[in-house]
Amino acid sequence: MLLRVENLTTVRSTNELVKQAIEAGQPEGLVVRARRQSGGYGRQGRAWASPEGGLYCSWLLRPNVPLAQLPTLSLVVGLAVRDAAAALVSDSVAPAIRVKWPNDVVVAPDSAACEALPARAPFCKLCGISLEAHQGGVCVGIGVNVRRPRAAADVGGKNVPAYLEDLAPAWGRGPLEDALDATFSQIASVFSACYDRWLLEGFAPFSGRCNETSALAGCAVRIEDHGGGVLACGTACGIDEHGRLVVRRSDGTTVPVASGEAHVLLGA
């Protein structure tokens, strides 16, 4: 995939700009990057705080694939970002970076290699991913925490952020633009290769790696729909060939969940 990258300073939302490009009929490969967003958003339209220090980019894609394959793209993006981030840190830290179904890249704060992270949440969020089908195209939004902002807010026990500079101190030194460019280049290289393979072979080649790097494997979870209704409750035991999270219920039966919000039940 040939990329056309637009580097901007401050925008309302890189997702909005890519959706406008889709409406204008632009071909796939456009990537819009920004240093800051005033109205950034993630999955389900949730506000995404976008201060200077993060990598914020949106991709215009036009995948010619069966409709049933499209939801698996968010996991492929997550795996690509996870592998790109792992390549930027030491071998001892890399295993702590994991994919949290359906659309996050997180770090396990209880890892000895990640002692700089606060251990008051099951995971610390390194990257959020959104995927929107829009007028015949797809907008993929990626937000990666690279450096800690000067006035980072305390978010309590939910969605505690992790930053690349926590995992690799070198990313906290030198010009910020260099760190953002290097992070983007690594993600672009890995994701472009993954996307091309996903177009040709579907999700099957990625299911094994998604299971190997799954943050939820073996965790007690509750899966909720967008309205807060419970879809499944039990132990996460894998991701199937269709990208669904498989949950083993207390009676021993399993249920595959295609979409929803996964909450880890601490102490269960």
C-alpha atoms as a PDB file:
ATOM      1  CA  MET A   1       0.000   0.000   0.000  1.00  0.00           C
ATOM      2  CA  LEU A   2       1.444   3.355  -1.079  1.00  0.00           C
ATOM      3  CA  LEU A   3       0.995   5.916   1.692  1.00  0.00           C
ATOM      4  CA  ARG A   4       0.288   9.636   1.313  1.00  0.00           C
ATOM      5  CA  VAL A   5       0.960  11.252   4.676  1.00  0.00           C
ATOM      6  CA  GLU A   6      -0.389  14.671   5.654  1.00  0.00           C
ATOM      7  CA  ASN A   7       1.363  16.092   8.725  1.00  0.00           C
ATOM      8  CA  LEU A   8      -0.680  18.729  10.546  1.00  0.00           C
ATOM      9  CA  THR A   9      -0.239  20.588  13.814  1.00  0.00           C
ATOM     10  CA  THR A  10      -3.634  21.011  15.482  1.00  0.00           C
ATOM     11  CA  VAL A  11      -6.921  19.673  14.136  1.00  0.00           C
ATOM     12  CA  ARG A  12     -10.313  18.905  15.572  1.00  0.00           C
ATOM     13  CA  SER A  13     -10.090  15.220  14.584  1.00  0.00           C
ATOM     14  CA  THR A  14      -7.917  13.277  12.163  1.00  0.00           C
ATOM     15  CA  ASN A  15     -10.811  10.808  11.829  1.00  0.00           C
ATOM     16  CA  GLU A  16     -13.095  13.579  10.597  1.00  0.00           C
ATOM     17  CA  LEU A  17     -10.552  14.649   7.974  1.00  0.00           C
ATOM     18  CA  VAL A  18     -10.176  11.099   6.683  1.00  0.00           C
ATOM     19  CA  LYS A  19     -13.953  10.634   6.491  1.00  0.00           C
ATOM     20  CA  GLN A  20     -14.159  13.845   4.475  1.00  0.00           C
ATOM     21  CA  ALA A  21     -11.499  12.411   2.150  1.00  0.00           C
ATOM     22  CA  ILE A  22     -13.573   9.234   1.787  1.00  0.00           C
ATOM     23  CA  GLU A  23     -16.583  11.351   0.824  1.00  0.00           C
ATOM     24  CA  ALA A  24     -14.427  13.173  -1.730  1.00  0.00           C
ATOM     25  CA  GLY A  25     -13.523   9.849  -3.351  1.00  0.00           C
ATOM     26  CA  GLN A  26      -9.839   9.768  -2.459  1.00  0.00           C
ATOM     27  CA  PRO A  27      -8.144   6.362  -2.873  1.00  0.00           C
ATOM     28  CA  GLU A  28      -6.844   4.350   0.036  1.00  0.00           C
ATOM     29  CA  GLY A  29      -3.434   5.087   1.481  1.00  0.00           C
ATOM     30  CA  LEU A  30      -4.087   8.565   2.850  1.00  0.00           C
ATOM     31  CA  VAL A  31      -2.804   9.010   6.419  1.00  0.00           C
ATOM     32  CA  VAL A  32      -3.553  12.179   8.368  1.00  0.00           C
ATOM     33  CA  ARG A  33      -1.264  12.889  11.334  1.00  0.00           C
ATOM     34  CA  ALA A  34      -1.587  15.652  13.921  1.00  0.00           C
ATOM     35  CA  ARG A  35       0.415  16.836  16.929  1.00  0.00           C
ATOM     36  CA  ARG A  36      -2.778  17.670  18.820  1.00  0.00           C
ATOM     37  CA  GLN A  37      -6.533  17.125  18.454  1.00  0.00           C
ATOM     38  CA  SER A  38      -9.176  19.343  19.994  1.00  0.00           C
ATOM     39  CA  GLY A  39     -12.020  16.887  19.388  1.00  0.00           C
ATOM     40  CA  GLY A  40     -10.378  13.501  18.985  1.00  0.00           C
ATOM     41  CA  TYR A  41     -12.463  10.412  19.543  1.00  0.00           C
ATOM     42  CA  GLY A  42     -12.040   6.669  19.687  1.00  0.00           C
ATOM     43  CA  ARG A  43     -14.251   3.614  19.566  1.00  0.00           C
ATOM     44  CA  GLN A  44     -18.000   4.288  19.950  1.00  0.00           C
ATOM     45  CA  GLY A  45     -17.306   8.018  19.655  1.00  0.00           C
ATOM     46  CA  ARG A  46     -15.689   8.267  23.090  1.00  0.00           C
ATOM     47  CA  ALA A  47     -13.587  11.390  23.596  1.00  0.00           C
ATOM     48  CA  TRP A  48      -9.857  10.736  23.227  1.00  0.00           C
ATOM     49  CA  ALA A  49      -7.646  13.232  25.056  1.00  0.00           C
ATOM     50  CA  SER A  50      -4.987  14.288  22.559  1.00  0.00           C
ATOM     51  CA  PRO A  51      -2.339  16.527  24.153  1.00  0.00           C
ATOM     52  CA  GLU A  52       1.041  17.038  22.596  1.00  0.00           C
ATOM     53  CA  GLY A  53       3.236  13.993  23.167  1.00  0.00           C
ATOM     54  CA  GLY A  54       1.110  11.346  21.481  1.00  0.00           C
ATOM     55  CA  LEU A  55       0.976   9.980  17.959  1.00  0.00           C
ATOM     56  CA  TYR A  56      -2.468  10.651  16.466  1.00  0.00           C
ATOM     57  CA  CYS A  57      -3.163   9.393  12.967  1.00  0.00           C
ATOM     58  CA  SER A  58      -6.039   8.167  10.847  1.00  0.00           C
ATOM     59  CA  TRP A  59      -5.855   5.948   7.773  1.00  0.00           C
ATOM     60  CA  LEU A  60      -8.118   5.840   4.733  1.00  0.00           C
ATOM     61  CA  LEU A  61      -8.651   2.265   3.562  1.00  0.00           C
ATOM     62  CA  ARG A  62     -10.893   0.758   0.905  1.00  0.00           C
ATOM     63  CA  PRO A  63     -10.644  -2.999   1.549  1.00  0.00           C
ATOM     64  CA  ASN A  64     -12.375  -5.186  -1.015  1.00  0.00           C
ATOM     65  CA  VAL A  65     -13.230  -8.014   1.376  1.00  0.00           C
ATOM     66  CA  PRO A  66     -16.389  -9.848   2.490  1.00  0.00           C
ATOM     67  CA  LEU A  67     -18.386  -7.805   4.994  1.00  0.00           C
ATOM     68  CA  ALA A  68     -17.974 -10.513   7.652  1.00  0.00           C
ATOM     69  CA  GLN A  69     -14.177 -10.098   7.489  1.00  0.00           C
ATOM     70  CA  LEU A  70     -14.176  -6.351   8.161  1.00  0.00           C
ATOM     71  CA  PRO A  71     -14.529  -6.448  11.994  1.00  0.00           C
ATOM     72  CA  THR A  72     -11.326  -8.479  12.284  1.00  0.00           C
ATOM     73  CA  LEU A  73      -9.359  -5.541  10.906  1.00  0.00           C
ATOM     74  CA  SER A  74      -9.294  -3.835  14.322  1.00  0.00           C
ATOM     75  CA  LEU A  75      -7.475  -6.852  15.788  1.00  0.00           C
ATOM     76  CA  VAL A  76      -5.022  -6.867  12.883  1.00  0.00           C
ATOM     77  CA  VAL A  77      -4.334  -3.170  13.478  1.00  0.00           C
ATOM     78  CA  GLY A  78      -3.915  -3.843  17.195  1.00  0.00           C
ATOM     79  CA  LEU A  79      -1.483  -6.676  16.563  1.00  0.00           C
ATOM     80  CA  ALA A  80       0.507  -4.520  14.120  1.00  0.00           C
ATOM     81  CA  VAL A  81       0.764  -1.666  16.635  1.00  0.00           C
ATOM     82  CA  ARG A  82       1.659  -4.121  19.386  1.00  0.00           C
ATOM     83  CA  ASP A  83       4.444  -5.685  17.314  1.00  0.00           C
ATOM     84  CA  ALA A  84       5.701  -2.258  16.210  1.00  0.00           C
ATOM     85  CA  ALA A  85       5.845  -1.039  19.808  1.00  0.00           C
ATOM     86  CA  ALA A  86       7.551  -4.254  20.913  1.00  0.00           C
ATOM     87  CA  ALA A  87      10.259  -3.639  18.321  1.00  0.00           C
ATOM     88  CA  LEU A  88      10.969  -0.228  19.876  1.00  0.00           C
ATOM     89  CA  VAL A  89      11.622  -1.518  23.408  1.00  0.00           C
ATOM     90  CA  SER A  90      13.970  -4.074  24.932  1.00  0.00           C
ATOM     91  CA  ASP A  91      13.386  -7.806  24.612  1.00  0.00           C
ATOM     92  CA  SER A  92      12.691  -7.984  28.349  1.00  0.00           C
ATOM     93  CA  VAL A  93       9.873  -5.427  28.136  1.00  0.00           C
ATOM     94  CA  ALA A  94       8.287  -6.491  24.834  1.00  0.00           C
ATOM     95  CA  PRO A  95       6.281  -9.472  26.205  1.00  0.00           C
ATOM     96  CA  ALA A  96       4.397  -7.127  28.567  1.00  0.00           C
ATOM     97  CA  ILE A  97       2.853  -5.320  25.568  1.00  0.00           C
ATOM     98  CA  ARG A  98      -0.364  -7.108  24.643  1.00  0.00           C
ATOM     99  CA  VAL A  99      -3.513  -6.845  22.548  1.00  0.00           C
ATOM    100  CA  LYS A 100      -6.723  -6.385  24.519  1.00  0.00           C
ATOM    101  CA  TRP A 101      -9.742  -7.543  22.549  1.00  0.00           C
ATOM    102  CA  PRO A 102     -11.304  -5.893  20.668  1.00  0.00           C
ATOM    103  CA  ASN A 103      -9.266  -2.772  19.994  1.00  0.00           C
ATOM    104  CA  ASP A 104      -6.602  -1.740  22.524  1.00  0.00           C
ATOM    105  CA  VAL A 105      -2.886  -2.209  22.984  1.00  0.00           C
ATOM    106  CA  VAL A 106      -2.052  -2.405  26.675  1.00  0.00           C
ATOM    107  CA  VAL A 107       0.823  -3.078  29.035  1.00  0.00           C
ATOM    108  CA  ALA A 108       0.695  -5.412  32.037  1.00  0.00           C
ATOM    109  CA  PRO A 109       1.841  -3.217  34.951  1.00  0.00           C
ATOM    110  CA  ASP A 110       2.628  -6.236  37.134  1.00  0.00           C
ATOM    111  CA  SER A 111       5.506  -7.173  34.846  1.00  0.00           C
ATOM    112  CA  ALA A 112       8.889  -6.770  36.522  1.00  0.00           C
ATOM    113  CA  ALA A 113      10.081  -5.019  33.378  1.00  0.00           C
ATOM    114  CA  CYS A 114       7.370  -2.349  33.728  1.00  0.00           C
ATOM    115  CA  GLU A 115       7.821  -1.256  37.315  1.00  0.00           C
ATOM    116  CA  ALA A 116       7.522   2.402  36.265  1.00  0.00           C
ATOM    117  CA  LEU A 117       3.820   1.873  35.588  1.00  0.00           C
ATOM    118  CA  PRO A 118       1.132   2.242  38.254  1.00  0.00           C
ATOM    119  CA  ALA A 119      -0.145  -1.180  39.329  1.00  0.00           C
ATOM    120  CA  ARG A 120      -3.663  -0.012  40.240  1.00  0.00           C
ATOM    121  CA  ALA A 121      -5.398  -1.291  37.125  1.00  0.00           C
ATOM    122  CA  PRO A 122      -5.288  -4.667  35.347  1.00  0.00           C
ATOM    123  CA  PHE A 123      -3.684  -2.993  32.334  1.00  0.00           C
ATOM    124  CA  CYS A 124      -2.228   0.344  31.348  1.00  0.00           C
ATOM    125  CA  LYS A 125      -3.397   1.596  27.969  1.00  0.00           C
ATOM    126  CA  LEU A 126      -0.671   2.316  25.416  1.00  0.00           C
ATOM    127  CA  CYS A 127      -2.805   2.682  22.298  1.00  0.00           C
ATOM    128  CA  GLY A 128      -6.453   2.996  21.347  1.00  0.00           C
ATOM    129  CA  ILE A 129      -7.851   2.049  17.940  1.00  0.00           C
ATOM    130  CA  SER A 130     -11.100   2.955  16.222  1.00  0.00           C
ATOM    131  CA  LEU A 131     -12.552   1.556  13.015  1.00  0.00           C
ATOM    132  CA  GLU A 132     -15.426   3.207  11.160  1.00  0.00           C
ATOM    133  CA  ALA A 133     -17.011   2.068   7.920  1.00  0.00           C
ATOM    134  CA  HIS A 134     -18.005   5.233   6.055  1.00  0.00           C
ATOM    135  CA  GLN A 135     -19.541   5.643   2.605  1.00  0.00           C
ATOM    136  CA  GLY A 136     -17.702   2.751   0.994  1.00  0.00           C
ATOM    137  CA  GLY A 137     -14.419   3.271   2.804  1.00  0.00           C
ATOM    138  CA  VAL A 138     -12.945   2.599   6.223  1.00  0.00           C
ATOM    139  CA  CYS A 139     -11.372   5.093   8.608  1.00  0.00           C
ATOM    140  CA  VAL A 140      -8.895   3.552  11.042  1.00  0.00           C
ATOM    141  CA  GLY A 141      -7.852   5.818  13.898  1.00  0.00           C
ATOM    142  CA  ILE A 142      -4.736   5.116  15.945  1.00  0.00           C
ATOM    143  CA  GLY A 143      -3.658   6.997  19.052  1.00  0.00           C
ATOM    144  CA  VAL A 144      -0.384   6.008  20.733  1.00  0.00           C
ATOM    145  CA  ASN A 145       0.926   7.447  24.001  1.00  0.00           C
ATOM    146  CA  VAL A 146       4.554   8.219  23.223  1.00  0.00           C
ATOM    147  CA  ARG A 147       5.577  10.813  25.818  1.00  0.00           C
ATOM    148  CA  ARG A 148       3.861  11.816  29.031  1.00  0.00           C
ATOM    149  CA  PRO A 149       2.198  15.235  28.639  1.00  0.00           C
ATOM    150  CA  ARG A 150       3.355  18.031  30.922  1.00  0.00           C
ATOM    151  CA  ALA A 151       0.010  18.184  32.722  1.00  0.00           C
ATOM    152  CA  ALA A 152      -1.180  14.588  32.686  1.00  0.00           C
ATOM    153  CA  ALA A 153      -4.509  14.203  34.474  1.00  0.00           C
ATOM    154  CA  ASP A 154      -5.088  11.482  37.070  1.00  0.00           C
ATOM    155  CA  VAL A 155      -7.666   9.156  35.523  1.00  0.00           C
ATOM    156  CA  GLY A 156      -8.152   7.037  38.638  1.00  0.00           C
ATOM    157  CA  GLY A 157      -8.283   3.286  38.264  1.00  0.00           C
ATOM    158  CA  LYS A 158      -9.751   3.104  34.751  1.00  0.00           C
ATOM    159  CA  ASN A 159      -7.828   3.366  31.477  1.00  0.00           C
ATOM    160  CA  VAL A 160      -4.579   4.221  33.238  1.00  0.00           C
ATOM    161  CA  PRO A 161      -2.200   5.292  30.456  1.00  0.00           C
ATOM    162  CA  ALA A 162       1.179   3.836  29.622  1.00  0.00           C
ATOM    163  CA  TYR A 163       3.734   5.724  27.557  1.00  0.00           C
ATOM    164  CA  LEU A 164       6.509   4.474  25.311  1.00  0.00           C
ATOM    165  CA  GLU A 165       8.953   6.535  27.343  1.00  0.00           C
ATOM    166  CA  ASP A 166       7.950   4.459  30.408  1.00  0.00           C
ATOM    167  CA  LEU A 167       8.927   1.300  28.562  1.00  0.00           C
ATOM    168  CA  ALA A 168      12.055   2.621  26.847  1.00  0.00           C
ATOM    169  CA  PRO A 169      13.632   5.684  28.511  1.00  0.00           C
ATOM    170  CA  ALA A 170      15.374   6.637  25.257  1.00  0.00           C
ATOM    171  CA  TRP A 171      11.980   7.668  23.884  1.00  0.00           C
ATOM    172  CA  GLY A 172      11.861  10.414  26.510  1.00  0.00           C
ATOM    173  CA  ARG A 173      15.044  12.049  25.217  1.00  0.00           C
ATOM    174  CA  GLY A 174      15.741  14.134  22.125  1.00  0.00           C
ATOM    175  CA  PRO A 175      13.260  16.111  19.990  1.00  0.00           C
ATOM    176  CA  LEU A 176       9.640  15.021  20.325  1.00  0.00           C
ATOM    177  CA  GLU A 177       9.163  15.102  16.555  1.00  0.00           C
ATOM    178  CA  ASP A 178      11.922  12.525  16.107  1.00  0.00           C
ATOM    179  CA  ALA A 179      10.230  10.173  18.580  1.00  0.00           C
ATOM    180  CA  LEU A 180       6.849  10.588  16.883  1.00  0.00           C
ATOM    181  CA  ASP A 181       8.312  10.091  13.405  1.00  0.00           C
ATOM    182  CA  ALA A 182      10.167   6.934  14.440  1.00  0.00           C
ATOM    183  CA  THR A 183       7.048   5.521  16.108  1.00  0.00           C
ATOM    184  CA  PHE A 184       4.917   6.268  13.054  1.00  0.00           C
ATOM    185  CA  SER A 185       7.470   4.783  10.643  1.00  0.00           C
ATOM    186  CA  GLN A 186       7.592   1.529  12.591  1.00  0.00           C
ATOM    187  CA  ILE A 187       3.799   1.255  12.773  1.00  0.00           C
ATOM    188  CA  ALA A 188       3.393   2.130   9.089  1.00  0.00           C
ATOM    189  CA  SER A 189       5.883  -0.543   8.043  1.00  0.00           C
ATOM    190  CA  VAL A 190       4.359  -3.315  10.152  1.00  0.00           C
ATOM    191  CA  PHE A 191       0.726  -2.438   9.496  1.00  0.00           C
ATOM    192  CA  SER A 192       1.155  -2.048   5.722  1.00  0.00           C
ATOM    193  CA  ALA A 193       2.526  -5.590   5.504  1.00  0.00           C
ATOM    194  CA  CYS A 194      -0.215  -6.950   7.793  1.00  0.00           C
ATOM    195  CA  TYR A 195      -2.955  -5.174   5.851  1.00  0.00           C
ATOM    196  CA  ASP A 196      -1.771  -6.547   2.516  1.00  0.00           C
ATOM    197  CA  ARG A 197      -1.734 -10.067   3.939  1.00  0.00           C
ATOM    198  CA  TRP A 198      -5.157  -9.606   5.567  1.00  0.00           C
ATOM    199  CA  LEU A 199      -6.581  -8.566   2.189  1.00  0.00           C
ATOM    200  CA  LEU A 200      -5.265 -11.743   0.572  1.00  0.00           C
ATOM    201  CA  GLU A 201      -5.666 -14.323   3.346  1.00  0.00           C
ATOM    202  CA  GLY A 202      -8.188 -12.926   5.816  1.00  0.00           C
ATOM    203  CA  PHE A 203      -7.811 -13.159   9.580  1.00  0.00           C
ATOM    204  CA  ALA A 204      -6.640 -16.783   9.757  1.00  0.00           C
ATOM    205  CA  PRO A 205      -2.867 -16.009   9.606  1.00  0.00           C
ATOM    206  CA  PHE A 206      -3.239 -13.609  12.547  1.00  0.00           C
ATOM    207  CA  SER A 207      -5.392 -15.606  14.959  1.00  0.00           C
ATOM    208  CA  GLY A 208      -2.440 -17.475  16.461  1.00  0.00           C
ATOM    209  CA  ARG A 209      -0.468 -14.310  17.200  1.00  0.00           C
ATOM    210  CA  CYS A 210      -3.567 -12.598  18.599  1.00  0.00           C
ATOM    211  CA  ASN A 211      -3.927 -15.476  21.055  1.00  0.00           C
ATOM    212  CA  GLU A 212      -0.222 -15.460  21.934  1.00  0.00           C
ATOM    213  CA  THR A 213      -0.323 -11.747  22.743  1.00  0.00           C
ATOM    214  CA  SER A 214      -3.831 -11.594  24.222  1.00  0.00           C
ATOM    215  CA  ALA A 215      -4.126  -9.513  27.370  1.00  0.00           C
ATOM    216  CA  LEU A 216      -7.358 -11.247  28.383  1.00  0.00           C
ATOM    217  CA  ALA A 217      -6.258 -14.901  28.187  1.00  0.00           C
ATOM    218  CA  GLY A 218      -7.254 -16.645  31.403  1.00  0.00           C
ATOM    219  CA  CYS A 219      -8.866 -13.531  32.883  1.00  0.00           C
ATOM    220  CA  ALA A 220     -12.310 -13.449  34.468  1.00  0.00           C
ATOM    221  CA  VAL A 221     -14.279 -11.062  32.258  1.00  0.00           C
ATOM    222  CA  ARG A 222     -17.674  -9.526  31.750  1.00  0.00           C
ATOM    223  CA  ILE A 223     -18.552  -8.559  28.182  1.00  0.00           C
ATOM    224  CA  GLU A 224     -21.087  -5.784  27.793  1.00  0.00           C
ATOM    225  CA  ASP A 225     -22.867  -4.377  24.755  1.00  0.00           C
ATOM    226  CA  HIS A 226     -22.870  -0.672  23.931  1.00  0.00           C
ATOM    227  CA  GLY A 227     -25.809  -0.096  26.257  1.00  0.00           C
ATOM    228  CA  GLY A 228     -24.231  -1.861  29.238  1.00  0.00           C
ATOM    229  CA  GLY A 229     -26.151  -5.124  28.843  1.00  0.00           C
ATOM    230  CA  VAL A 230     -24.203  -8.254  29.726  1.00  0.00           C
ATOM    231  CA  LEU A 231     -23.388 -10.452  26.727  1.00  0.00           C
ATOM    232  CA  ALA A 232     -21.211 -13.000  28.506  1.00  0.00           C
ATOM    233  CA  CYS A 233     -19.492 -13.553  31.813  1.00  0.00           C
ATOM    234  CA  GLY A 234     -16.767 -16.085  32.554  1.00  0.00           C
ATOM    235  CA  THR A 235     -13.137 -16.798  31.672  1.00  0.00           C
ATOM    236  CA  ALA A 236     -11.623 -15.530  28.429  1.00  0.00           C
ATOM    237  CA  CYS A 237     -10.122 -18.601  26.795  1.00  0.00           C
ATOM    238  CA  GLY A 238      -9.155 -17.479  23.304  1.00  0.00           C
ATOM    239  CA  ILE A 239      -9.859 -15.618  20.082  1.00  0.00           C
ATOM    240  CA  ASP A 240     -11.351 -17.748  17.333  1.00  0.00           C
ATOM    241  CA  GLU A 241     -10.730 -17.736  13.585  1.00  0.00           C
ATOM    242  CA  HIS A 242     -13.387 -15.058  13.122  1.00  0.00           C
ATOM    243  CA  GLY A 243     -11.839 -12.673  15.648  1.00  0.00           C
ATOM    244  CA  ARG A 244     -14.465 -13.413  18.301  1.00  0.00           C
ATOM    245  CA  LEU A 245     -13.550 -13.604  21.980  1.00  0.00           C
ATOM    246  CA  VAL A 246     -14.397 -17.039  23.353  1.00  0.00           C
ATOM    247  CA  VAL A 247     -15.675 -16.979  26.938  1.00  0.00           C
ATOM    248  CA  ARG A 248     -16.039 -20.099  29.110  1.00  0.00           C
ATOM    249  CA  ARG A 249     -19.024 -19.741  31.427  1.00  0.00           C
ATOM    250  CA  SER A 250     -19.291 -21.186  34.929  1.00  0.00           C
ATOM    251  CA  ASP A 251     -21.226 -24.209  33.633  1.00  0.00           C
ATOM    252  CA  GLY A 252     -18.330 -25.131  31.324  1.00  0.00           C
ATOM    253  CA  THR A 253     -19.995 -24.088  28.084  1.00  0.00           C
ATOM    254  CA  THR A 254     -18.335 -21.559  25.800  1.00  0.00           C
ATOM    255  CA  VAL A 255     -19.780 -18.618  23.904  1.00  0.00           C
ATOM    256  CA  PRO A 256     -18.064 -16.632  21.123  1.00  0.00           C
ATOM    257  CA  VAL A 257     -18.611 -12.875  21.344  1.00  0.00           C
ATOM    258  CA  ALA A 258     -18.262 -10.858  18.146  1.00  0.00           C
ATOM    259  CA  SER A 259     -18.278  -7.365  19.642  1.00  0.00           C
ATOM    260  CA  GLY A 260     -18.612  -5.605  22.959  1.00  0.00           C
ATOM    261  CA  GLU A 261     -16.671  -4.059  25.808  1.00  0.00           C
ATOM    262  CA  ALA A 262     -14.465  -6.397  27.864  1.00  0.00           C
ATOM    263  CA  HIS A 263     -14.156  -5.685  31.596  1.00  0.00           C
ATOM    264  CA  VAL A 264     -11.695  -7.636  33.714  1.00  0.00           C
ATOM    265  CA  LEU A 265     -13.193  -8.796  37.016  1.00  0.00           C
ATOM    266  CA  LEU A 266     -10.500  -8.256  39.619  1.00  0.00           C
ATOM    267  CA  GLY A 267     -10.393 -10.785  42.433  1.00  0.00           C
ATOM    268  CA  ALA A 268     -12.729 -13.201  40.636  1.00  0.00           C
END
